[in-house]
Amino acid sequence: MCRLLGYATNDVNASLHEVLGMRACAAFRDLSVIHNDGWGAALITEPASAAHVTDGGAPSPETGSALYRNTIAAHYDPIFDDLANIGARGALFHLRLASSNLPLILENQHPFFANGLSFIHNGDISDAHGRNITANRSYPIDHSLVQATGGRSDSAIYFATVLQYLGVGYELEEALAQAVGELRAAYPDSSYNCMVQSKDTFIALRAESGKPTRQGVVDVYARHGRADEAADYSVLRYRELGGTAGSDGRALRGVLVSSSGYAQPESEGWRELGNNRMIVASNRTGDYRIRSI
């Protein structure tokens, strides 16, 4: 039960502050007062140094990959502002509210990273009796892939299912669609909203049950006097990027996708992503398209 944010640009290193704006960025961070079970970010950057240079170690990379995770809420972590100011051609940000009493340990913090992919998820994969998928020892998953994610949660199993379909030859977007189809067959009332990125691609998926927000989420928001904000909890919205970014003021194109929870007015270009639909974007060109699953 989390909040997600991600973006992809046209190979321009743009910071979260630049693509979202300082005020909205502060509002997103403020959600971690409620989503206070840690946070994390994964950044894909265009390095300032030349690629493939051999200087005695491994050749310098053509893409920089950075991963940060903390069990402390973003609201209290001074590193948040530092990362929000770092330019990236693609990035994921995740604010966690742990579900089904899953432990608050670093291994369960998002983003997960495996096989060159970073992955974040908003949802609680449990059956009608509240039993989480982690307690289902008979669920057919390659446990070595779960181990590869580094996690021990339902989100780690979700990511491992995506990796399983990648392993048999599906492209990333179709592997994600297949994973959701498989998990939904066993856990139809769960939410599978997620974001995943590689060095080339950013995908944001809205795939929720369509049922009212789980009472547990409403109760948590109510304890903070913000119960009304839980009504559209599973909604994802997106807007196109424009303007300029970076120290060199390069023209910016691309797409930004975010969970609800703070002001996202249509007048500023925000549009709702339909349920069971995904945005597939290039973090090389900034081009994107929307497809169904």
C-alpha atoms as a PDB file:
ATOM      1  CA  MET A   1       0.000   0.000   0.000  1.00  0.00           C
ATOM      2  CA  CYS A   2       2.262   2.669  -1.350  1.00  0.00           C
ATOM      3  CA  ARG A   3       2.648   5.748  -3.492  1.00  0.00           C
ATOM      4  CA  LEU A   4       4.486   5.601  -6.812  1.00  0.00           C
ATOM      5  CA  LEU A   5       6.094   8.165  -9.093  1.00  0.00           C
ATOM      6  CA  GLY A   6       8.205   7.739 -12.195  1.00  0.00           C
ATOM      7  CA  TYR A   7       9.270   9.500 -15.364  1.00  0.00           C
ATOM      8  CA  ALA A   8      11.175   9.115 -18.614  1.00  0.00           C
ATOM      9  CA  THR A   9      12.771  11.875 -20.700  1.00  0.00           C
ATOM     10  CA  ASN A  10      14.326  12.306 -24.127  1.00  0.00           C
ATOM     11  CA  ASP A  11      17.832  11.399 -22.866  1.00  0.00           C
ATOM     12  CA  VAL A  12      17.913  14.584 -20.776  1.00  0.00           C
ATOM     13  CA  ASN A  13      19.045  14.421 -17.156  1.00  0.00           C
ATOM     14  CA  ALA A  14      16.106  16.118 -15.405  1.00  0.00           C
ATOM     15  CA  SER A  15      15.589  16.144 -11.639  1.00  0.00           C
ATOM     16  CA  LEU A  16      12.383  15.359  -9.783  1.00  0.00           C
ATOM     17  CA  HIS A  17      12.160  19.021  -8.790  1.00  0.00           C
ATOM     18  CA  GLU A  18      12.373  20.010 -12.472  1.00  0.00           C
ATOM     19  CA  VAL A  19       9.784  17.556 -13.817  1.00  0.00           C
ATOM     20  CA  LEU A  20       7.295  17.832 -10.934  1.00  0.00           C
ATOM     21  CA  GLY A  21       7.906  21.321  -9.571  1.00  0.00           C
ATOM     22  CA  MET A  22       9.041  22.290  -6.088  1.00  0.00           C
ATOM     23  CA  ARG A  23       5.559  22.663  -4.585  1.00  0.00           C
ATOM     24  CA  ALA A  24       4.202  19.377  -5.949  1.00  0.00           C
ATOM     25  CA  CYS A  25       7.422  17.616  -4.999  1.00  0.00           C
ATOM     26  CA  ALA A  26       6.985  18.797  -1.413  1.00  0.00           C
ATOM     27  CA  ALA A  27       3.363  17.577  -1.484  1.00  0.00           C
ATOM     28  CA  PHE A  28       4.443  14.173  -2.761  1.00  0.00           C
ATOM     29  CA  ARG A  29       7.060  13.934  -0.011  1.00  0.00           C
ATOM     30  CA  ASP A  30       4.424  14.941   2.544  1.00  0.00           C
ATOM     31  CA  LEU A  31       2.527  11.739   1.725  1.00  0.00           C
ATOM     32  CA  SER A  32       5.287   9.924   3.605  1.00  0.00           C
ATOM     33  CA  VAL A  33       3.834  11.252   6.860  1.00  0.00           C
ATOM     34  CA  ILE A  34       1.238   8.515   6.216  1.00  0.00           C
ATOM     35  CA  HIS A  35       3.310   6.242   3.982  1.00  0.00           C
ATOM     36  CA  ASN A  36       5.984   6.202   6.634  1.00  0.00           C
ATOM     37  CA  ASP A  37       7.414   2.694   6.312  1.00  0.00           C
ATOM     38  CA  GLY A  38      10.450   3.816   4.361  1.00  0.00           C
ATOM     39  CA  TRP A  39      11.094   4.984   0.840  1.00  0.00           C
ATOM     40  CA  GLY A  40      13.435   4.565  -2.087  1.00  0.00           C
ATOM     41  CA  ALA A  41      14.440   5.739  -5.542  1.00  0.00           C
ATOM     42  CA  ALA A  42      16.111   4.358  -8.655  1.00  0.00           C
ATOM     43  CA  LEU A  43      17.739   6.735 -11.144  1.00  0.00           C
ATOM     44  CA  ILE A  44      18.894   6.107 -14.715  1.00  0.00           C
ATOM     45  CA  THR A  45      21.348   8.816 -15.726  1.00  0.00           C
ATOM     46  CA  GLU A  46      23.263   9.939 -18.770  1.00  0.00           C
ATOM     47  CA  PRO A  47      26.878  10.069 -17.498  1.00  0.00           C
ATOM     48  CA  ALA A  48      28.945  13.210 -17.931  1.00  0.00           C
ATOM     49  CA  SER A  49      32.023  11.080 -18.660  1.00  0.00           C
ATOM     50  CA  ALA A  50      32.656   9.267 -21.943  1.00  0.00           C
ATOM     51  CA  ALA A  51      31.382   5.695 -22.216  1.00  0.00           C
ATOM     52  CA  HIS A  52      33.500   2.579 -22.784  1.00  0.00           C
ATOM     53  CA  VAL A  53      36.723   4.140 -21.528  1.00  0.00           C
ATOM     54  CA  THR A  54      39.114   1.584 -20.058  1.00  0.00           C
ATOM     55  CA  ASP A  55      41.212   3.076 -17.262  1.00  0.00           C
ATOM     56  CA  GLY A  56      42.511  -0.038 -15.570  1.00  0.00           C
ATOM     57  CA  GLY A  57      39.171  -1.278 -14.239  1.00  0.00           C
ATOM     58  CA  ALA A  58      35.930  -2.050 -16.044  1.00  0.00           C
ATOM     59  CA  PRO A  59      35.055   0.150 -19.047  1.00  0.00           C
ATOM     60  CA  SER A  60      33.052   3.234 -18.067  1.00  0.00           C
ATOM     61  CA  PRO A  61      29.277   2.724 -18.474  1.00  0.00           C
ATOM     62  CA  GLU A  62      27.074   4.329 -21.104  1.00  0.00           C
ATOM     63  CA  THR A  63      24.259   4.503 -18.530  1.00  0.00           C
ATOM     64  CA  GLY A  64      24.513   5.343 -14.858  1.00  0.00           C
ATOM     65  CA  SER A  65      22.316   3.351 -12.468  1.00  0.00           C
ATOM     66  CA  ALA A  66      21.699   4.490  -8.887  1.00  0.00           C
ATOM     67  CA  LEU A  67      19.596   2.845  -6.193  1.00  0.00           C
ATOM     68  CA  TYR A  68      18.655   4.249  -2.777  1.00  0.00           C
ATOM     69  CA  ARG A  69      16.465   2.664  -0.074  1.00  0.00           C
ATOM     70  CA  ASN A  70      15.788   3.565   3.537  1.00  0.00           C
ATOM     71  CA  THR A  71      13.496   2.224   6.263  1.00  0.00           C
ATOM     72  CA  ILE A  72      13.087   5.820   7.494  1.00  0.00           C
ATOM     73  CA  ALA A  73      10.202   7.795   5.996  1.00  0.00           C
ATOM     74  CA  ALA A  74      11.093  10.275   3.240  1.00  0.00           C
ATOM     75  CA  HIS A  75       9.569  13.041   5.375  1.00  0.00           C
ATOM     76  CA  TYR A  76      12.411  12.609   7.882  1.00  0.00           C
ATOM     77  CA  ASP A  77      15.236  11.692   5.516  1.00  0.00           C
ATOM     78  CA  PRO A  78      17.457  14.626   4.421  1.00  0.00           C
ATOM     79  CA  ILE A  79      18.675  12.534   1.483  1.00  0.00           C
ATOM     80  CA  PHE A  80      15.290  13.021  -0.205  1.00  0.00           C
ATOM     81  CA  ASP A  81      16.088  16.588  -1.260  1.00  0.00           C
ATOM     82  CA  ASP A  82      19.505  15.514  -2.505  1.00  0.00           C
ATOM     83  CA  LEU A  83      18.022  12.831  -4.744  1.00  0.00           C
ATOM     84  CA  ALA A  84      15.183  15.111  -5.857  1.00  0.00           C
ATOM     85  CA  ASN A  85      17.848  17.484  -7.198  1.00  0.00           C
ATOM     86  CA  ILE A  86      19.793  14.864  -9.172  1.00  0.00           C
ATOM     87  CA  GLY A  87      19.148  14.859 -12.904  1.00  0.00           C
ATOM     88  CA  ALA A  88      18.106  11.577 -14.490  1.00  0.00           C
ATOM     89  CA  ARG A  89      16.710  10.548 -17.843  1.00  0.00           C
ATOM     90  CA  GLY A  90      14.492   8.082 -15.975  1.00  0.00           C
ATOM     91  CA  ALA A  91      13.575   7.634 -12.327  1.00  0.00           C
ATOM     92  CA  LEU A  92      11.301   5.795  -9.906  1.00  0.00           C
ATOM     93  CA  PHE A  93      10.294   7.057  -6.444  1.00  0.00           C
ATOM     94  CA  HIS A  94       8.421   4.933  -3.903  1.00  0.00           C
ATOM     95  CA  LEU A  95       6.817   5.786  -0.539  1.00  0.00           C
ATOM     96  CA  ARG A  96       5.967   2.642   1.417  1.00  0.00           C
ATOM     97  CA  LEU A  97       3.070   1.756   3.684  1.00  0.00           C
ATOM     98  CA  ALA A  98       3.745  -1.864   4.617  1.00  0.00           C
ATOM     99  CA  SER A  99       0.876  -4.273   4.020  1.00  0.00           C
ATOM    100  CA  SER A 100      -0.267  -7.519   5.695  1.00  0.00           C
ATOM    101  CA  ASN A 101       2.147  -7.050   8.586  1.00  0.00           C
ATOM    102  CA  LEU A 102       5.130  -7.639   6.319  1.00  0.00           C
ATOM    103  CA  PRO A 103       8.347  -6.712   8.143  1.00  0.00           C
ATOM    104  CA  LEU A 104       9.880  -3.269   7.954  1.00  0.00           C
ATOM    105  CA  ILE A 105      13.316  -4.412   6.787  1.00  0.00           C
ATOM    106  CA  LEU A 106      15.619  -3.059   4.105  1.00  0.00           C
ATOM    107  CA  GLU A 107      15.122  -6.170   1.957  1.00  0.00           C
ATOM    108  CA  ASN A 108      11.444  -5.279   1.525  1.00  0.00           C
ATOM    109  CA  GLN A 109      12.022  -1.652   0.615  1.00  0.00           C
ATOM    110  CA  HIS A 110      11.382  -0.595  -2.960  1.00  0.00           C
ATOM    111  CA  PRO A 111      12.700  -0.232  -5.582  1.00  0.00           C
ATOM    112  CA  PHE A 112      13.773  -3.815  -6.028  1.00  0.00           C
ATOM    113  CA  PHE A 113      16.565  -4.308  -8.535  1.00  0.00           C
ATOM    114  CA  ALA A 114      17.409  -7.434 -10.551  1.00  0.00           C
ATOM    115  CA  ASN A 115      18.500  -8.267 -14.101  1.00  0.00           C
ATOM    116  CA  GLY A 116      18.989  -4.596 -14.951  1.00  0.00           C
ATOM    117  CA  LEU A 117      15.429  -3.693 -13.913  1.00  0.00           C
ATOM    118  CA  SER A 118      14.130  -1.576 -11.037  1.00  0.00           C
ATOM    119  CA  PHE A 119      10.572  -2.246  -9.850  1.00  0.00           C
ATOM    120  CA  ILE A 120       8.062  -0.594  -7.498  1.00  0.00           C
ATOM    121  CA  HIS A 121       4.556  -1.752  -6.568  1.00  0.00           C
ATOM    122  CA  ASN A 122       1.436  -0.451  -4.825  1.00  0.00           C
ATOM    123  CA  GLY A 123      -0.791  -3.228  -3.584  1.00  0.00           C
ATOM    124  CA  ASP A 124      -1.444  -6.021  -1.124  1.00  0.00           C
ATOM    125  CA  ILE A 125      -1.543  -9.426  -2.825  1.00  0.00           C
ATOM    126  CA  SER A 126      -3.820 -11.350  -0.493  1.00  0.00           C
ATOM    127  CA  ASP A 127      -6.850 -13.627  -0.795  1.00  0.00           C
ATOM    128  CA  ALA A 128     -10.406 -12.938   0.371  1.00  0.00           C
ATOM    129  CA  HIS A 129      -9.457 -14.068   3.870  1.00  0.00           C
ATOM    130  CA  GLY A 130      -6.552 -11.655   4.110  1.00  0.00           C
ATOM    131  CA  ARG A 131      -3.860 -14.314   3.685  1.00  0.00           C
ATOM    132  CA  ASN A 132      -0.895 -12.817   1.901  1.00  0.00           C
ATOM    133  CA  ILE A 133       0.723 -14.607  -1.025  1.00  0.00           C
ATOM    134  CA  THR A 134       3.930 -14.895   1.026  1.00  0.00           C
ATOM    135  CA  ALA A 135       2.107 -17.431   3.225  1.00  0.00           C
ATOM    136  CA  ASN A 136       1.081 -19.547   0.230  1.00  0.00           C
ATOM    137  CA  ARG A 137       3.889 -22.111   0.032  1.00  0.00           C
ATOM    138  CA  SER A 138       2.234 -23.866  -2.904  1.00  0.00           C
ATOM    139  CA  TYR A 139       2.142 -20.812  -5.179  1.00  0.00           C
ATOM    140  CA  PRO A 140       4.076 -21.787  -8.341  1.00  0.00           C
ATOM    141  CA  ILE A 141       7.026 -19.407  -8.432  1.00  0.00           C
ATOM    142  CA  ASP A 142      10.731 -19.976  -9.049  1.00  0.00           C
ATOM    143  CA  HIS A 143      12.099 -19.181  -5.599  1.00  0.00           C
ATOM    144  CA  SER A 144      15.551 -18.468  -7.008  1.00  0.00           C
ATOM    145  CA  LEU A 145      13.973 -15.517  -8.828  1.00  0.00           C
ATOM    146  CA  VAL A 146      12.392 -14.286  -5.611  1.00  0.00           C
ATOM    147  CA  GLN A 147      15.830 -14.493  -4.015  1.00  0.00           C
ATOM    148  CA  ALA A 148      17.268 -12.556  -6.965  1.00  0.00           C
ATOM    149  CA  THR A 149      14.993  -9.598  -6.131  1.00  0.00           C
ATOM    150  CA  GLY A 150      16.463  -9.484  -2.621  1.00  0.00           C
ATOM    151  CA  GLY A 151      12.982  -9.190  -1.103  1.00  0.00           C
ATOM    152  CA  ARG A 152      10.682 -11.335   1.031  1.00  0.00           C
ATOM    153  CA  SER A 153       7.341  -9.690   0.289  1.00  0.00           C
ATOM    154  CA  ASP A 154       4.346 -10.006  -2.023  1.00  0.00           C
ATOM    155  CA  SER A 155       5.897  -7.277  -4.187  1.00  0.00           C
ATOM    156  CA  ALA A 156       9.067  -9.366  -4.509  1.00  0.00           C
ATOM    157  CA  ILE A 157       6.970 -12.327  -5.689  1.00  0.00           C
ATOM    158  CA  TYR A 158       5.206 -10.040  -8.193  1.00  0.00           C
ATOM    159  CA  PHE A 159       8.565  -8.855  -9.553  1.00  0.00           C
ATOM    160  CA  ALA A 160       9.864 -12.437  -9.656  1.00  0.00           C
ATOM    161  CA  THR A 161       6.818 -13.437 -11.722  1.00  0.00           C
ATOM    162  CA  VAL A 162       7.702 -10.705 -14.236  1.00  0.00           C
ATOM    163  CA  LEU A 163      11.289 -12.000 -14.321  1.00  0.00           C
ATOM    164  CA  GLN A 164       9.967 -15.514 -14.889  1.00  0.00           C
ATOM    165  CA  TYR A 165       8.125 -14.439 -18.039  1.00  0.00           C
ATOM    166  CA  LEU A 166      11.141 -12.471 -19.232  1.00  0.00           C
ATOM    167  CA  GLY A 167      13.167 -15.639 -18.821  1.00  0.00           C
ATOM    168  CA  VAL A 168      11.020 -17.530 -21.312  1.00  0.00           C
ATOM    169  CA  GLY A 169      11.359 -14.843 -23.967  1.00  0.00           C
ATOM    170  CA  TYR A 170       8.625 -12.250 -23.460  1.00  0.00           C
ATOM    171  CA  GLU A 171       9.450  -8.578 -23.984  1.00  0.00           C
ATOM    172  CA  LEU A 172       9.235  -6.459 -20.830  1.00  0.00           C
ATOM    173  CA  GLU A 173       5.775  -4.975 -21.369  1.00  0.00           C
ATOM    174  CA  GLU A 174       4.257  -8.330 -22.287  1.00  0.00           C
ATOM    175  CA  ALA A 175       6.055 -10.097 -19.423  1.00  0.00           C
ATOM    176  CA  LEU A 176       4.390  -7.614 -17.076  1.00  0.00           C
ATOM    177  CA  ALA A 177       0.967  -8.187 -18.648  1.00  0.00           C
ATOM    178  CA  GLN A 178       1.382 -11.963 -18.396  1.00  0.00           C
ATOM    179  CA  ALA A 179       2.503 -11.727 -14.759  1.00  0.00           C
ATOM    180  CA  VAL A 180      -0.597  -9.727 -13.824  1.00  0.00           C
ATOM    181  CA  GLY A 181      -2.816 -12.237 -15.613  1.00  0.00           C
ATOM    182  CA  GLU A 182      -1.267 -15.132 -13.707  1.00  0.00           C
ATOM    183  CA  LEU A 183      -1.409 -13.451 -10.306  1.00  0.00           C
ATOM    184  CA  ARG A 184      -4.971 -12.235 -10.842  1.00  0.00           C
ATOM    185  CA  ALA A 185      -6.131 -15.782 -11.505  1.00  0.00           C
ATOM    186  CA  ALA A 186      -5.207 -16.622  -7.911  1.00  0.00           C
ATOM    187  CA  TYR A 187      -5.673 -13.199  -6.259  1.00  0.00           C
ATOM    188  CA  PRO A 188      -8.387 -11.365  -8.243  1.00  0.00           C
ATOM    189  CA  ASP A 189      -9.123  -8.691  -5.633  1.00  0.00           C
ATOM    190  CA  SER A 190      -5.562  -7.414  -5.317  1.00  0.00           C
ATOM    191  CA  SER A 191      -3.914  -4.340  -6.792  1.00  0.00           C
ATOM    192  CA  TYR A 192      -1.057  -4.665  -9.251  1.00  0.00           C
ATOM    193  CA  ASN A 193      -0.255  -1.008  -9.869  1.00  0.00           C
ATOM    194  CA  CYS A 194       3.464  -0.834 -10.532  1.00  0.00           C
ATOM    195  CA  MET A 195       6.319   0.861 -12.336  1.00  0.00           C
ATOM    196  CA  VAL A 196       9.387  -0.758 -13.848  1.00  0.00           C
ATOM    197  CA  GLN A 197      12.352   0.692 -15.690  1.00  0.00           C
ATOM    198  CA  SER A 198      15.361  -0.540 -17.614  1.00  0.00           C
ATOM    199  CA  LYS A 199      18.190   1.460 -19.137  1.00  0.00           C
ATOM    200  CA  ASP A 200      15.920   2.077 -22.156  1.00  0.00           C
ATOM    201  CA  THR A 201      12.298   1.746 -21.051  1.00  0.00           C
ATOM    202  CA  PHE A 202       9.890   3.027 -18.404  1.00  0.00           C
ATOM    203  CA  ILE A 203       6.528   1.327 -17.821  1.00  0.00           C
ATOM    204  CA  ALA A 204       3.737   2.465 -15.510  1.00  0.00           C
ATOM    205  CA  LEU A 205       0.803   0.095 -15.061  1.00  0.00           C
ATOM    206  CA  ARG A 206      -2.576   0.676 -13.448  1.00  0.00           C
ATOM    207  CA  ALA A 207      -4.147  -2.694 -12.716  1.00  0.00           C
ATOM    208  CA  GLU A 208      -6.399  -2.597  -9.686  1.00  0.00           C
ATOM    209  CA  SER A 209      -9.460  -4.627  -8.753  1.00  0.00           C
ATOM    210  CA  GLY A 210     -11.934  -1.819  -9.316  1.00  0.00           C
ATOM    211  CA  LYS A 211     -13.367  -2.348  -5.839  1.00  0.00           C
ATOM    212  CA  PRO A 212     -13.538   0.405  -3.197  1.00  0.00           C
ATOM    213  CA  THR A 213     -10.323   1.293  -1.405  1.00  0.00           C
ATOM    214  CA  ARG A 214      -9.468  -1.342   1.197  1.00  0.00           C
ATOM    215  CA  GLN A 215     -10.809  -0.392   4.620  1.00  0.00           C
ATOM    216  CA  GLY A 216      -7.350  -0.734   6.115  1.00  0.00           C
ATOM    217  CA  VAL A 217      -6.057   2.065   3.900  1.00  0.00           C
ATOM    218  CA  VAL A 218      -9.056   4.268   4.714  1.00  0.00           C
ATOM    219  CA  ASP A 219      -8.494   3.666   8.430  1.00  0.00           C
ATOM    220  CA  VAL A 220      -4.831   4.665   8.201  1.00  0.00           C
ATOM    221  CA  TYR A 221      -5.711   7.890   6.383  1.00  0.00           C
ATOM    222  CA  ALA A 222      -8.503   8.582   8.873  1.00  0.00           C
ATOM    223  CA  ARG A 223      -6.039   8.422  11.766  1.00  0.00           C
ATOM    224  CA  HIS A 224      -4.259  11.339  10.116  1.00  0.00           C
ATOM    225  CA  GLY A 225      -7.505  13.254   9.541  1.00  0.00           C
ATOM    226  CA  ARG A 226      -7.245  12.685   5.770  1.00  0.00           C
ATOM    227  CA  ALA A 227      -9.795   9.920   5.107  1.00  0.00           C
ATOM    228  CA  ASP A 228     -11.217  11.770   2.091  1.00  0.00           C
ATOM    229  CA  GLU A 229      -7.860  11.431   0.320  1.00  0.00           C
ATOM    230  CA  ALA A 230      -8.152   7.630   0.263  1.00  0.00           C
ATOM    231  CA  ALA A 231     -11.111   7.549  -2.143  1.00  0.00           C
ATOM    232  CA  ASP A 232      -8.966   7.628  -5.311  1.00  0.00           C
ATOM    233  CA  TYR A 233      -6.071   5.799  -3.699  1.00  0.00           C
ATOM    234  CA  SER A 234      -5.397   3.462  -6.645  1.00  0.00           C
ATOM    235  CA  VAL A 235      -5.568   6.117  -9.364  1.00  0.00           C
ATOM    236  CA  LEU A 236      -2.513   6.872 -11.508  1.00  0.00           C
ATOM    237  CA  ARG A 237      -2.263  10.095 -13.488  1.00  0.00           C
ATOM    238  CA  TYR A 238       0.233  11.242 -16.087  1.00  0.00           C
ATOM    239  CA  ARG A 239       1.324  14.359 -17.896  1.00  0.00           C
ATOM    240  CA  GLU A 240       3.698  15.137 -20.719  1.00  0.00           C
ATOM    241  CA  LEU A 241       6.979  16.856 -19.945  1.00  0.00           C
ATOM    242  CA  GLY A 242       8.106  20.062 -21.607  1.00  0.00           C
ATOM    243  CA  GLY A 243      10.267  23.121 -21.103  1.00  0.00           C
ATOM    244  CA  THR A 244      13.958  22.811 -20.368  1.00  0.00           C
ATOM    245  CA  ALA A 245      16.043  20.946 -17.814  1.00  0.00           C
ATOM    246  CA  GLY A 246      19.600  20.482 -16.641  1.00  0.00           C
ATOM    247  CA  SER A 247      22.472  22.877 -16.254  1.00  0.00           C
ATOM    248  CA  ASP A 248      22.685  23.269 -20.032  1.00  0.00           C
ATOM    249  CA  GLY A 249      18.966  24.036 -20.395  1.00  0.00           C
ATOM    250  CA  ARG A 250      18.239  21.297 -22.929  1.00  0.00           C
ATOM    251  CA  ALA A 251      14.719  20.999 -24.368  1.00  0.00           C
ATOM    252  CA  LEU A 252      12.762  18.429 -22.386  1.00  0.00           C
ATOM    253  CA  ARG A 253      10.233  15.874 -23.649  1.00  0.00           C
ATOM    254  CA  GLY A 254       8.825  12.778 -22.020  1.00  0.00           C
ATOM    255  CA  VAL A 255       6.185  11.629 -19.567  1.00  0.00           C
ATOM    256  CA  LEU A 256       5.653  11.730 -15.794  1.00  0.00           C
ATOM    257  CA  VAL A 257       3.337   9.288 -13.992  1.00  0.00           C
ATOM    258  CA  SER A 258       2.245   9.502 -10.364  1.00  0.00           C
ATOM    259  CA  SER A 259      -0.076   8.025  -7.801  1.00  0.00           C
ATOM    260  CA  SER A 260      -2.796  10.310  -6.504  1.00  0.00           C
ATOM    261  CA  GLY A 261      -2.633  12.011  -3.111  1.00  0.00           C
ATOM    262  CA  TYR A 262      -1.729  15.589  -4.021  1.00  0.00           C
ATOM    263  CA  ALA A 263      -3.079  18.186  -6.459  1.00  0.00           C
ATOM    264  CA  GLN A 264      -2.910  17.005 -10.077  1.00  0.00           C
ATOM    265  CA  PRO A 265      -5.196  19.416 -11.962  1.00  0.00           C
ATOM    266  CA  GLU A 266      -6.190  18.967 -15.589  1.00  0.00           C
ATOM    267  CA  SER A 267      -5.205  22.613 -16.107  1.00  0.00           C
ATOM    268  CA  GLU A 268      -1.584  21.539 -15.573  1.00  0.00           C
ATOM    269  CA  GLY A 269      -1.851  18.707 -18.087  1.00  0.00           C
ATOM    270  CA  TRP A 270      -2.642  15.817 -15.740  1.00  0.00           C
ATOM    271  CA  ARG A 271      -4.756  12.995 -17.186  1.00  0.00           C
ATOM    272  CA  GLU A 272      -6.008   9.830 -15.535  1.00  0.00           C
ATOM    273  CA  LEU A 273      -4.570   6.538 -16.747  1.00  0.00           C
ATOM    274  CA  GLY A 274      -7.371   4.047 -17.304  1.00  0.00           C
ATOM    275  CA  ASN A 275      -7.506   0.841 -15.323  1.00  0.00           C
ATOM    276  CA  ASN A 276      -5.807  -2.168 -16.927  1.00  0.00           C
ATOM    277  CA  ARG A 277      -3.706   0.133 -19.081  1.00  0.00           C
ATOM    278  CA  MET A 278       0.000   0.814 -19.134  1.00  0.00           C
ATOM    279  CA  ILE A 279       2.231   3.617 -20.335  1.00  0.00           C
ATOM    280  CA  VAL A 280       5.296   2.360 -22.180  1.00  0.00           C
ATOM    281  CA  ALA A 281       7.941   5.073 -22.632  1.00  0.00           C
ATOM    282  CA  SER A 282      11.487   5.349 -23.921  1.00  0.00           C
ATOM    283  CA  ASN A 283      13.969   7.093 -21.623  1.00  0.00           C
ATOM    284  CA  ARG A 284      16.101   7.649 -24.724  1.00  0.00           C
ATOM    285  CA  THR A 285      13.587   9.581 -26.848  1.00  0.00           C
ATOM    286  CA  GLY A 286      10.815  10.529 -24.409  1.00  0.00           C
ATOM    287  CA  ASP A 287       8.231   8.976 -26.727  1.00  0.00           C
ATOM    288  CA  TYR A 288       5.441   7.013 -25.079  1.00  0.00           C
ATOM    289  CA  ARG A 289       2.290   5.076 -25.882  1.00  0.00           C
ATOM    290  CA  ILE A 290      -0.617   3.618 -23.934  1.00  0.00           C
ATOM    291  CA  ARG A 291      -1.813   0.031 -24.297  1.00  0.00           C
ATOM    292  CA  SER A 292      -4.169  -2.350 -22.586  1.00  0.00           C
ATOM    293  CA  ILE A 293      -3.113  -5.486 -20.768  1.00  0.00           C
END
